[in-house]
Amino acid sequence: MTTMRKSTAAAILCFLGGCVSTSAIRSPNANLAQYRTFAFYEPPEAHPRQLAFERSPAGQVVRNQIANNLTAKGMTETSTNPDVLVAYHSKLQQKTQVTDWGYGGFYWGMGPVSIDQYTQGTLFIDLIDPKTKEVVWRGTASAVVDHP
């Protein structure tokens, strides 16, 4: 697991907890070592749900953990002319899982079927080069979460 991926996983574990599925992808032409300073991306018009997440305790934990992990990697948070911008957002999605437990014994017929509904939360973290305006790295993590 790469260093950046471990940092992201740590931030995400604080938010999601439990069994977490993570992934990360780097732009093929990106040299992540060139980035020494960072700032959090402030969109011109943020969606109300995104603002609510960022202001929530969970959103603050995610933001602080991202900053702590990047700082631990030798990067410095700055408000002027950062080398890379950090953007993050979350998504909640209702899911349904259907499990067919097979045949119900020695007789011909269907066995029990269980239907479970749950909420899957996904956290997206993007590193954006402000000069090219391209995403140079994206990390995601998904897990089953409780209803908010």
C-alpha atoms as a PDB file:
ATOM      1  CA  MET A   1       0.000   0.000   0.000  1.00  0.00           C
ATOM      2  CA  THR A   2       1.449   3.397  -0.972  1.00  0.00           C
ATOM      3  CA  THR A   3       2.138   6.094   1.609  1.00  0.00           C
ATOM      4  CA  MET A   4      -0.600   8.371   0.233  1.00  0.00           C
ATOM      5  CA  ARG A   5      -3.047   5.488   0.252  1.00  0.00           C
ATOM      6  CA  LYS A   6      -2.248   4.692   3.896  1.00  0.00           C
ATOM      7  CA  SER A   7      -2.811   8.332   4.819  1.00  0.00           C
ATOM      8  CA  THR A   8      -6.157   8.361   3.114  1.00  0.00           C
ATOM      9  CA  ALA A   9      -7.187   5.067   4.672  1.00  0.00           C
ATOM     10  CA  ALA A  10      -6.419   6.450   8.138  1.00  0.00           C
ATOM     11  CA  ALA A  11      -8.542   9.534   7.492  1.00  0.00           C
ATOM     12  CA  ILE A  12     -11.381   7.464   6.177  1.00  0.00           C
ATOM     13  CA  LEU A  13     -11.307   4.959   9.038  1.00  0.00           C
ATOM     14  CA  CYS A  14     -11.914   7.831  11.443  1.00  0.00           C
ATOM     15  CA  PHE A  15     -15.033   8.721   9.478  1.00  0.00           C
ATOM     16  CA  LEU A  16     -16.510   5.414   8.462  1.00  0.00           C
ATOM     17  CA  GLY A  17     -15.251   2.737  10.855  1.00  0.00           C
ATOM     18  CA  GLY A  18     -15.972  -0.954  10.438  1.00  0.00           C
ATOM     19  CA  CYS A  19     -15.194  -2.894   7.262  1.00  0.00           C
ATOM     20  CA  VAL A  20     -13.835  -0.375   4.768  1.00  0.00           C
ATOM     21  CA  SER A  21     -13.081  -0.841   1.079  1.00  0.00           C
ATOM     22  CA  THR A  22     -10.443   1.631  -0.170  1.00  0.00           C
ATOM     23  CA  SER A  23      -8.886   2.468  -3.506  1.00  0.00           C
ATOM     24  CA  ALA A  24      -6.559   5.128  -4.870  1.00  0.00           C
ATOM     25  CA  ILE A  25      -5.466   6.134  -8.321  1.00  0.00           C
ATOM     26  CA  ARG A  26      -2.741   8.530  -9.420  1.00  0.00           C
ATOM     27  CA  SER A  27      -2.665  10.375 -12.713  1.00  0.00           C
ATOM     28  CA  PRO A  28      -0.052   8.636 -14.894  1.00  0.00           C
ATOM     29  CA  ASN A  29       1.864  11.879 -15.515  1.00  0.00           C
ATOM     30  CA  ALA A  30       1.685  13.207 -11.941  1.00  0.00           C
ATOM     31  CA  ASN A  31       4.779  13.478  -9.773  1.00  0.00           C
ATOM     32  CA  LEU A  32       3.284  13.643  -6.287  1.00  0.00           C
ATOM     33  CA  ALA A  33       6.716  14.336  -4.743  1.00  0.00           C
ATOM     34  CA  GLN A  34       6.725  17.817  -6.300  1.00  0.00           C
ATOM     35  CA  TYR A  35       3.890  19.007  -4.065  1.00  0.00           C
ATOM     36  CA  ARG A  36       5.125  20.622  -0.846  1.00  0.00           C
ATOM     37  CA  THR A  37       2.191  22.825   0.199  1.00  0.00           C
ATOM     38  CA  PHE A  38      -1.571  22.286   0.226  1.00  0.00           C
ATOM     39  CA  ALA A  39      -4.827  24.101   0.866  1.00  0.00           C
ATOM     40  CA  PHE A  40      -8.389  22.863   1.022  1.00  0.00           C
ATOM     41  CA  TYR A  41     -10.399  23.596  -2.104  1.00  0.00           C
ATOM     42  CA  GLU A  42     -13.203  26.104  -1.626  1.00  0.00           C
ATOM     43  CA  PRO A  43     -15.721  25.785  -4.466  1.00  0.00           C
ATOM     44  CA  PRO A  44     -17.311  29.037  -5.667  1.00  0.00           C
ATOM     45  CA  GLU A  45     -20.785  27.604  -5.025  1.00  0.00           C
ATOM     46  CA  ALA A  46     -20.864  24.672  -2.633  1.00  0.00           C
ATOM     47  CA  HIS A  47     -23.857  22.357  -2.525  1.00  0.00           C
ATOM     48  CA  PRO A  48     -25.825  22.718   0.750  1.00  0.00           C
ATOM     49  CA  ARG A  49     -25.311  19.014   1.593  1.00  0.00           C
ATOM     50  CA  GLN A  50     -21.559  19.369   1.093  1.00  0.00           C
ATOM     51  CA  LEU A  51     -21.475  22.400   3.372  1.00  0.00           C
ATOM     52  CA  ALA A  52     -23.487  20.511   5.992  1.00  0.00           C
ATOM     53  CA  PHE A  53     -21.050  17.587   5.839  1.00  0.00           C
ATOM     54  CA  GLU A  54     -17.979  19.843   6.098  1.00  0.00           C
ATOM     55  CA  ARG A  55     -19.444  21.594   9.150  1.00  0.00           C
ATOM     56  CA  SER A  56     -20.514  18.360  10.847  1.00  0.00           C
ATOM     57  CA  PRO A  57     -18.330  16.645  13.480  1.00  0.00           C
ATOM     58  CA  ALA A  58     -17.593  13.815  11.000  1.00  0.00           C
ATOM     59  CA  GLY A  59     -16.600  16.306   8.305  1.00  0.00           C
ATOM     60  CA  GLN A  60     -14.290  18.126  10.705  1.00  0.00           C
ATOM     61  CA  VAL A  61     -12.656  14.822  11.710  1.00  0.00           C
ATOM     62  CA  VAL A  62     -12.068  13.970   8.045  1.00  0.00           C
ATOM     63  CA  ARG A  63     -10.640  17.414   7.258  1.00  0.00           C
ATOM     64  CA  ASN A  64      -8.377  17.406  10.328  1.00  0.00           C
ATOM     65  CA  GLN A  65      -7.158  13.868   9.633  1.00  0.00           C
ATOM     66  CA  ILE A  66      -6.348  14.710   6.002  1.00  0.00           C
ATOM     67  CA  ALA A  67      -4.409  17.809   7.133  1.00  0.00           C
ATOM     68  CA  ASN A  68      -2.588  15.852   9.857  1.00  0.00           C
ATOM     69  CA  ASN A  69      -1.598  13.086   7.442  1.00  0.00           C
ATOM     70  CA  LEU A  70      -0.363  15.484   4.764  1.00  0.00           C
ATOM     71  CA  THR A  71       1.586  17.450   7.394  1.00  0.00           C
ATOM     72  CA  ALA A  72       3.124  14.212   8.690  1.00  0.00           C
ATOM     73  CA  LYS A  73       4.320  13.569   5.109  1.00  0.00           C
ATOM     74  CA  GLY A  74       6.231  16.852   5.157  1.00  0.00           C
ATOM     75  CA  MET A  75       3.648  19.046   3.454  1.00  0.00           C
ATOM     76  CA  THR A  76       2.647  22.436   4.835  1.00  0.00           C
ATOM     77  CA  GLU A  77      -0.863  23.858   4.847  1.00  0.00           C
ATOM     78  CA  THR A  78      -0.976  27.352   3.377  1.00  0.00           C
ATOM     79  CA  SER A  79      -3.629  29.816   2.302  1.00  0.00           C
ATOM     80  CA  THR A  80      -1.491  31.450  -0.401  1.00  0.00           C
ATOM     81  CA  ASN A  81      -0.384  29.812  -3.632  1.00  0.00           C
ATOM     82  CA  PRO A  82      -0.555  26.110  -2.624  1.00  0.00           C
ATOM     83  CA  ASP A  83       1.111  23.447  -4.759  1.00  0.00           C
ATOM     84  CA  VAL A  84      -1.982  21.233  -4.538  1.00  0.00           C
ATOM     85  CA  LEU A  85      -5.626  21.662  -3.534  1.00  0.00           C
ATOM     86  CA  VAL A  86      -7.429  19.054  -1.436  1.00  0.00           C
ATOM     87  CA  ALA A  87     -11.113  18.464  -2.137  1.00  0.00           C
ATOM     88  CA  TYR A  88     -13.308  15.945  -0.379  1.00  0.00           C
ATOM     89  CA  HIS A  89     -16.961  14.999  -0.357  1.00  0.00           C
ATOM     90  CA  SER A  90     -19.166  12.176   0.786  1.00  0.00           C
ATOM     91  CA  LYS A  91     -22.074  10.262  -0.678  1.00  0.00           C
ATOM     92  CA  LEU A  92     -24.708   8.139   1.044  1.00  0.00           C
ATOM     93  CA  GLN A  93     -26.559   5.531  -0.985  1.00  0.00           C
ATOM     94  CA  GLN A  94     -29.358   3.176   0.016  1.00  0.00           C
ATOM     95  CA  LYS A  95     -28.582  -0.409  -0.953  1.00  0.00           C
ATOM     96  CA  THR A  96     -30.504  -3.675  -0.914  1.00  0.00           C
ATOM     97  CA  GLN A  97     -28.882  -7.087  -0.543  1.00  0.00           C
ATOM     98  CA  VAL A  98     -30.849 -10.221  -1.419  1.00  0.00           C
ATOM     99  CA  THR A  99     -29.469 -13.563  -0.234  1.00  0.00           C
ATOM    100  CA  ASP A 100     -30.950 -16.828  -1.477  1.00  0.00           C
ATOM    101  CA  TRP A 101     -29.992 -19.498   1.030  1.00  0.00           C
ATOM    102  CA  GLY A 102     -30.623 -22.319  -1.458  1.00  0.00           C
ATOM    103  CA  TYR A 103     -32.953 -25.280  -1.257  1.00  0.00           C
ATOM    104  CA  GLY A 104     -34.929 -25.800   1.901  1.00  0.00           C
ATOM    105  CA  GLY A 105     -33.937 -29.367   2.764  1.00  0.00           C
ATOM    106  CA  PHE A 106     -34.783 -32.731   1.234  1.00  0.00           C
ATOM    107  CA  TYR A 107     -37.875 -31.534  -0.577  1.00  0.00           C
ATOM    108  CA  TRP A 108     -38.029 -29.744  -3.872  1.00  0.00           C
ATOM    109  CA  GLY A 109     -38.589 -26.008  -3.510  1.00  0.00           C
ATOM    110  CA  MET A 110     -37.055 -22.716  -2.608  1.00  0.00           C
ATOM    111  CA  GLY A 111     -35.259 -22.169   0.662  1.00  0.00           C
ATOM    112  CA  PRO A 112     -35.351 -19.023   2.725  1.00  0.00           C
ATOM    113  CA  VAL A 113     -34.465 -15.684   1.167  1.00  0.00           C
ATOM    114  CA  SER A 114     -33.322 -12.704   3.202  1.00  0.00           C
ATOM    115  CA  ILE A 115     -33.588  -9.099   2.089  1.00  0.00           C
ATOM    116  CA  ASP A 116     -31.457  -6.533   3.911  1.00  0.00           C
ATOM    117  CA  GLN A 117     -31.455  -2.795   3.365  1.00  0.00           C
ATOM    118  CA  TYR A 118     -28.495  -0.693   4.438  1.00  0.00           C
ATOM    119  CA  THR A 119     -26.758   2.632   3.805  1.00  0.00           C
ATOM    120  CA  GLN A 120     -23.383   2.668   2.082  1.00  0.00           C
ATOM    121  CA  GLY A 121     -21.191   5.711   2.683  1.00  0.00           C
ATOM    122  CA  THR A 122     -18.413   6.684   0.317  1.00  0.00           C
ATOM    123  CA  LEU A 123     -15.767   9.311   0.939  1.00  0.00           C
ATOM    124  CA  PHE A 124     -13.904  10.837  -2.023  1.00  0.00           C
ATOM    125  CA  ILE A 125     -10.618  12.720  -1.591  1.00  0.00           C
ATOM    126  CA  ASP A 126      -9.085  14.489  -4.595  1.00  0.00           C
ATOM    127  CA  LEU A 127      -5.731  16.229  -4.938  1.00  0.00           C
ATOM    128  CA  ILE A 128      -5.979  18.910  -7.621  1.00  0.00           C
ATOM    129  CA  ASP A 129      -3.069  20.695  -9.279  1.00  0.00           C
ATOM    130  CA  PRO A 130      -4.171  24.369  -9.275  1.00  0.00           C
ATOM    131  CA  LYS A 131      -1.982  25.220 -12.297  1.00  0.00           C
ATOM    132  CA  THR A 132      -3.429  22.559 -14.603  1.00  0.00           C
ATOM    133  CA  LYS A 133      -6.785  22.231 -12.767  1.00  0.00           C
ATOM    134  CA  GLU A 134      -6.459  18.448 -13.097  1.00  0.00           C
ATOM    135  CA  VAL A 135      -7.055  15.812 -10.454  1.00  0.00           C
ATOM    136  CA  VAL A 136      -3.648  14.222  -9.893  1.00  0.00           C
ATOM    137  CA  TRP A 137      -4.772  11.720  -7.247  1.00  0.00           C
ATOM    138  CA  ARG A 138      -8.114  10.324  -6.045  1.00  0.00           C
ATOM    139  CA  GLY A 139      -8.742   8.160  -3.035  1.00  0.00           C
ATOM    140  CA  THR A 140     -12.071   6.580  -2.136  1.00  0.00           C
ATOM    141  CA  ALA A 141     -13.355   4.538   0.735  1.00  0.00           C
ATOM    142  CA  SER A 142     -16.726   2.847   1.122  1.00  0.00           C
ATOM    143  CA  ALA A 143     -18.355   1.141   4.077  1.00  0.00           C
ATOM    144  CA  VAL A 144     -21.730   0.375   5.541  1.00  0.00           C
ATOM    145  CA  VAL A 145     -22.715   3.246   7.819  1.00  0.00           C
ATOM    146  CA  ASP A 146     -25.586   3.941  10.172  1.00  0.00           C
ATOM    147  CA  HIS A 147     -28.318   6.280   9.101  1.00  0.00           C
ATOM    148  CA  PRO A 148     -27.390   9.885   9.906  1.00  0.00           C
END
